[in-house]
Amino acid sequence: MKIILVGGGKVIYFLTKTFLSKGYEVVIINKDKEDSEQIARKLEVMVICGDGADPAYLEDAGANDADVVVALTPFDPENLMICNLAKKRFNVPRTFALVNDPAHEQIFLRLGVTSAFSTATLLSSLVEQQVSFDNITHLIPLEAGKITMTEVILDEKCPSVGSCISDLGLPQDSILATVIRKDDILIPKGSTCLQAGDKVVIISLPKSQSKMLNKLCGPDQRS
């Protein structure tokens, strides 16, 4: 997979490092000459010093055969322009844009950006969900936070312990995907009885996550 990243700073550096470790081809377009030189020295990656909102630089980066363009500049209009150019002029299949103002998120999506994500929205959602339940051990937002995968550990105080899943009355738009019991991975059925010490993995919409956790772990633990 070929990915073009537009922007600079540590986010671009570590994102590039992660993508390279997975075997992806990465090209960076960065306005900052010094930052570009530092990244080029540290990583074996093509770095183009220029404006990603200029189609000439996108073409130099190989946008014609890129699979993904990710716009991560600090400026929302610039990120939107980069994604629109990538999609309409170079037919890049998927575009991702950082949205600094959360109010712009839906606007970007309506204008054709494949995925727009707001750091403020993601962080606030993560913090609120994580502090609500002490039992949460992992929380992973998917599709820009539209769905979440949550791992919780059940203790002896949880009302679900000792009950079969079919008797819990779990929300319909949530799934109890896996039960991890010591070294065993269980694909749960309605007859599966939960035990203290079980780790359960939940996939849910954000609006139903609290209902699901209340069923499994007890009432919201916020003080």
Foldseek 3Di string as FASTA:
>chain_A
DEEEEEEFDPVVLVVVVVCVVVVYAYEYEYQDPVRQVVSVVVDVHHYHHDQLLDVVVCVVSPLLPGQEYEYEYPDDVSLLSNQCCSCPVNVRPAYEYEDQDVVCQVVSVVVPHRAYAYPVVVVVLVVVVPQFDVQWDDWAAPRRNQKIKTKGAAAPQWPQAQHFQLPLPADPQKDFQWKCDPPDIDGHDRRDRHHHGIIIIMMGGSVRPQVRCCSGGNHGPDD
